[in-house]
Amino acid sequence: MDGQNSVLLGLQSTAPKIPYIRSANAPISAYQENANGFTAQLDGFVPVQLQLANIQSCSVRLNGKAVASSEQIQSNSQRVRVDVHCPPS
């Protein structure tokens, strides 16, 4: 899922309380979680669309440019880097 040879997939009965990618129309080629959010690279074949969750007080950058902190993001690019940074809780 992120280009590594193996993937650990963990399922849970409740949705996470931290910011995350709820859905996307492109594979996630890289992902790095940090203390205040995450950075992800998505590489698709059509302009990338993604839906984020739990980003109410966070800032979001798409390919280095600030975007409205909306849960639904539409890109004009087939390859995007999304940076989500949230204030410490």
N, C-alpha and C. Protein backbone atom coordinates (compact mmCIF):
# COMPACT_ATOMS: atom_id res chain seq x y z
N MET A 1 0.81 -1.19 0.00
CA MET A 1 0.00 0.00 0.00
C MET A 1 0.85 1.26 0.00
N ASP A 2 2.07 1.18 0.52
CA ASP A 2 2.94 2.35 0.48
C ASP A 2 4.26 2.06 -0.20
N GLY A 3 4.32 0.98 -0.98
CA GLY A 3 5.52 0.64 -1.71
C GLY A 3 6.44 -0.33 -0.99
N GLN A 4 6.17 -0.64 0.26
CA GLN A 4 6.99 -1.57 1.02
C GLN A 4 6.66 -3.00 0.59
N ASN A 5 7.57 -3.93 0.92
CA ASN A 5 7.36 -5.34 0.56
C ASN A 5 6.23 -5.99 1.34
N SER A 6 5.97 -5.52 2.54
CA SER A 6 4.89 -6.10 3.33
C SER A 6 4.03 -4.98 3.91
N VAL A 7 2.79 -5.33 4.21
CA VAL A 7 1.84 -4.36 4.73
C VAL A 7 1.14 -4.97 5.92
N LEU A 8 1.01 -4.20 6.99
CA LEU A 8 0.25 -4.62 8.16
C LEU A 8 -1.05 -3.83 8.13
N LEU A 9 -2.15 -4.54 8.05
CA LEU A 9 -3.46 -3.91 8.01
C LEU A 9 -4.18 -4.24 9.30
N GLY A 10 -4.56 -3.21 10.04
CA GLY A 10 -5.27 -3.41 11.30
C GLY A 10 -6.68 -2.89 11.19
N LEU A 11 -7.64 -3.69 11.55
CA LEU A 11 -9.05 -3.30 11.51
C LEU A 11 -9.54 -3.06 12.93
N GLN A 12 -10.47 -2.13 13.05
CA GLN A 12 -11.04 -1.86 14.35
C GLN A 12 -12.53 -1.60 14.19
N SER A 13 -13.27 -1.74 15.27
CA SER A 13 -14.72 -1.63 15.20
C SER A 13 -15.21 -0.18 15.21
N THR A 14 -14.37 0.77 15.61
CA THR A 14 -14.75 2.18 15.62
C THR A 14 -13.78 2.98 14.77
N ALA A 15 -14.26 4.10 14.24
CA ALA A 15 -13.41 4.96 13.42
C ALA A 15 -12.35 5.64 14.29
N PRO A 16 -11.16 5.88 13.74
CA PRO A 16 -10.11 6.56 14.51
C PRO A 16 -10.52 7.98 14.87
N LYS A 17 -9.95 8.52 15.92
CA LYS A 17 -10.22 9.89 16.34
C LYS A 17 -9.16 10.85 15.80
N ILE A 18 -8.11 10.33 15.19
CA ILE A 18 -7.05 11.15 14.61
C ILE A 18 -7.35 11.39 13.13
N PRO A 19 -6.72 12.39 12.50
CA PRO A 19 -6.94 12.62 11.07
C PRO A 19 -6.50 11.41 10.25
N TYR A 20 -7.25 11.13 9.18
CA TYR A 20 -6.89 10.01 8.31
C TYR A 20 -7.54 10.18 6.94
N ILE A 21 -7.08 9.40 5.96
CA ILE A 21 -7.68 9.39 4.63
C ILE A 21 -8.83 8.38 4.66
N ARG A 22 -10.03 8.88 4.50
CA ARG A 22 -11.21 8.01 4.52
C ARG A 22 -11.35 7.27 3.20
N SER A 23 -11.10 7.96 2.09
CA SER A 23 -11.17 7.31 0.78
C SER A 23 -10.37 8.12 -0.23
N ALA A 24 -9.96 7.46 -1.29
CA ALA A 24 -9.22 8.11 -2.37
C ALA A 24 -9.38 7.31 -3.65
N ASN A 25 -9.25 7.97 -4.77
CA ASN A 25 -9.35 7.28 -6.05
C ASN A 25 -7.97 6.94 -6.61
N ALA A 26 -6.94 7.01 -5.77
CA ALA A 26 -5.57 6.71 -6.19
C ALA A 26 -4.87 5.93 -5.09
N PRO A 27 -3.92 5.08 -5.47
CA PRO A 27 -3.15 4.34 -4.47
C PRO A 27 -2.26 5.29 -3.65
N ILE A 28 -2.08 4.95 -2.39
CA ILE A 28 -1.17 5.69 -1.52
C ILE A 28 0.21 5.08 -1.72
N SER A 29 1.13 5.86 -2.28
CA SER A 29 2.47 5.34 -2.56
C SER A 29 3.45 5.60 -1.41
N ALA A 30 3.12 6.54 -0.53
CA ALA A 30 3.95 6.81 0.66
C ALA A 30 3.06 7.42 1.73
N TYR A 31 3.37 7.10 2.98
CA TYR A 31 2.59 7.62 4.10
C TYR A 31 3.49 7.74 5.31
N GLN A 32 3.43 8.90 5.97
CA GLN A 32 4.22 9.12 7.19
C GLN A 32 3.34 9.83 8.21
N GLU A 33 3.08 9.16 9.30
CA GLU A 33 2.31 9.76 10.38
C GLU A 33 3.28 10.47 11.30
N ASN A 34 2.85 11.63 11.85
CA ASN A 34 3.67 12.32 12.83
C ASN A 34 2.80 12.73 14.01
N ALA A 35 3.39 13.40 14.97
CA ALA A 35 2.68 13.72 16.22
C ALA A 35 1.45 14.59 15.98
N ASN A 36 1.46 15.42 14.93
CA ASN A 36 0.36 16.36 14.71
C ASN A 36 -0.36 16.18 13.39
N GLY A 37 -0.30 15.00 12.80
CA GLY A 37 -0.99 14.77 11.54
C GLY A 37 -0.29 13.72 10.71
N PHE A 38 -0.24 13.96 9.38
CA PHE A 38 0.41 13.00 8.50
C PHE A 38 0.75 13.64 7.15
N THR A 39 1.61 12.97 6.41
CA THR A 39 1.94 13.31 5.04
C THR A 39 1.72 12.06 4.20
N ALA A 40 1.08 12.22 3.06
CA ALA A 40 0.83 11.07 2.18
C ALA A 40 1.07 11.48 0.73
N GLN A 41 1.57 10.53 -0.04
CA GLN A 41 1.75 10.70 -1.48
C GLN A 41 0.76 9.76 -2.17
N LEU A 42 -0.01 10.28 -3.10
CA LEU A 42 -0.96 9.47 -3.85
C LEU A 42 -0.62 9.59 -5.33
N ASP A 43 -0.54 8.45 -6.01
CA ASP A 43 -0.20 8.43 -7.43
C ASP A 43 -1.32 7.72 -8.18
N GLY A 44 -2.08 8.49 -8.97
CA GLY A 44 -3.21 7.92 -9.68
C GLY A 44 -3.04 7.98 -11.19
N PHE A 45 -4.12 7.69 -11.88
CA PHE A 45 -4.14 7.71 -13.34
C PHE A 45 -5.09 8.80 -13.86
N VAL A 46 -5.85 9.37 -12.97
CA VAL A 46 -6.74 10.49 -13.25
C VAL A 46 -6.53 11.51 -12.12
N PRO A 47 -7.03 12.73 -12.25
CA PRO A 47 -6.87 13.69 -11.16
C PRO A 47 -7.36 13.10 -9.83
N VAL A 48 -6.53 13.28 -8.81
CA VAL A 48 -6.78 12.66 -7.51
C VAL A 48 -7.93 13.36 -6.77
N GLN A 49 -8.80 12.54 -6.22
CA GLN A 49 -9.86 12.99 -5.31
C GLN A 49 -9.67 12.22 -4.02
N LEU A 50 -9.76 12.91 -2.90
CA LEU A 50 -9.67 12.19 -1.64
C LEU A 50 -10.59 12.79 -0.61
N GLN A 51 -10.95 11.95 0.32
CA GLN A 51 -11.81 12.37 1.41
C GLN A 51 -11.04 12.15 2.70
N LEU A 52 -10.91 13.22 3.49
CA LEU A 52 -10.21 13.16 4.77
C LEU A 52 -11.23 13.13 5.89
N ALA A 53 -10.79 12.67 7.05
CA ALA A 53 -11.68 12.64 8.22
C ALA A 53 -10.93 13.20 9.43
N ASN A 54 -11.66 13.77 10.34
CA ASN A 54 -11.15 14.31 11.61
C ASN A 54 -10.13 15.43 11.39
N ILE A 55 -10.42 16.34 10.47
CA ILE A 55 -9.48 17.43 10.18
C ILE A 55 -10.07 18.80 10.53
N GLN A 56 -11.06 18.86 11.40
CA GLN A 56 -11.80 20.08 11.70
C GLN A 56 -10.90 21.26 12.08
N SER A 57 -9.88 21.06 12.89
CA SER A 57 -9.02 22.17 13.33
C SER A 57 -7.64 22.10 12.70
N CYS A 58 -7.49 21.35 11.63
CA CYS A 58 -6.18 21.13 11.01
C CYS A 58 -5.99 22.01 9.78
N SER A 59 -4.72 22.19 9.39
CA SER A 59 -4.42 22.84 8.12
C SER A 59 -4.04 21.74 7.13
N VAL A 60 -4.42 21.95 5.87
CA VAL A 60 -4.18 20.96 4.82
C VAL A 60 -3.45 21.64 3.67
N ARG A 61 -2.39 20.99 3.19
CA ARG A 61 -1.64 21.47 2.03
C ARG A 61 -1.64 20.36 0.98
N LEU A 62 -1.87 20.77 -0.25
CA LEU A 62 -1.87 19.83 -1.37
C LEU A 62 -0.78 20.28 -2.33
N ASN A 63 0.22 19.42 -2.51
CA ASN A 63 1.39 19.76 -3.34
C ASN A 63 2.01 21.08 -2.89
N GLY A 64 2.06 21.28 -1.57
CA GLY A 64 2.71 22.45 -1.00
C GLY A 64 1.86 23.69 -0.90
N LYS A 65 0.63 23.66 -1.42
CA LYS A 65 -0.25 24.83 -1.40
C LYS A 65 -1.40 24.60 -0.44
N ALA A 66 -1.68 25.62 0.36
CA ALA A 66 -2.78 25.52 1.32
C ALA A 66 -4.11 25.36 0.58
N VAL A 67 -4.94 24.47 1.12
CA VAL A 67 -6.30 24.29 0.60
C VAL A 67 -7.27 24.42 1.76
N ALA A 68 -8.51 24.70 1.44
CA ALA A 68 -9.53 24.78 2.48
C ALA A 68 -9.58 23.45 3.23
N SER A 69 -9.70 23.51 4.53
CA SER A 69 -9.74 22.29 5.34
C SER A 69 -11.09 21.61 5.20
N SER A 70 -11.37 21.20 3.98
CA SER A 70 -12.59 20.48 3.67
C SER A 70 -12.29 18.99 3.71
N GLU A 71 -13.26 18.20 4.06
CA GLU A 71 -13.03 16.76 4.08
C GLU A 71 -12.94 16.19 2.67
N GLN A 72 -13.51 16.86 1.67
CA GLN A 72 -13.47 16.40 0.29
C GLN A 72 -12.50 17.29 -0.49
N ILE A 73 -11.47 16.70 -1.09
CA ILE A 73 -10.46 17.46 -1.83
C ILE A 73 -10.38 16.94 -3.25
N GLN A 74 -10.41 17.86 -4.20
CA GLN A 74 -10.32 17.55 -5.63
C GLN A 74 -9.05 18.19 -6.16
N SER A 75 -8.20 17.41 -6.79
CA SER A 75 -6.96 17.91 -7.37
C SER A 75 -7.06 17.91 -8.88
N ASN A 76 -6.22 18.71 -9.52
CA ASN A 76 -6.11 18.70 -10.98
C ASN A 76 -4.97 17.80 -11.42
N SER A 77 -4.25 17.24 -10.45
CA SER A 77 -3.06 16.45 -10.74
C SER A 77 -3.30 14.97 -10.47
N GLN A 78 -2.56 14.13 -11.21
CA GLN A 78 -2.64 12.69 -11.00
C GLN A 78 -1.71 12.23 -9.89
N ARG A 79 -0.82 13.09 -9.45
CA ARG A 79 0.11 12.76 -8.37
C ARG A 79 0.07 13.90 -7.36
N VAL A 80 -0.26 13.58 -6.12
CA VAL A 80 -0.37 14.63 -5.09
C VAL A 80 0.33 14.21 -3.81
N ARG A 81 0.78 15.23 -3.11
CA ARG A 81 1.29 15.06 -1.76
C ARG A 81 0.34 15.87 -0.88
N VAL A 82 -0.22 15.23 0.11
CA VAL A 82 -1.12 15.92 1.04
C VAL A 82 -0.45 15.93 2.42
N ASP A 83 -0.40 17.14 3.00
CA ASP A 83 0.17 17.34 4.33
C ASP A 83 -0.95 17.83 5.23
N VAL A 84 -1.20 17.12 6.31
CA VAL A 84 -2.21 17.51 7.28
C VAL A 84 -1.49 17.80 8.59
N HIS A 85 -1.68 19.02 9.09
CA HIS A 85 -1.03 19.43 10.35
C HIS A 85 -2.12 19.96 11.28
N CYS A 86 -2.17 19.37 12.47
CA CYS A 86 -3.20 19.73 13.44
C CYS A 86 -2.55 20.31 14.70
N PRO A 87 -3.26 21.19 15.39
CA PRO A 87 -2.70 21.71 16.64
C PRO A 87 -2.62 20.60 17.67
N PRO A 88 -1.62 20.67 18.56
CA PRO A 88 -1.52 19.64 19.62
C PRO A 88 -2.79 19.62 20.46
N SER A 89 -3.20 18.43 20.86
CA SER A 89 -4.43 18.34 21.67
C SER A 89 -4.15 18.35 23.13
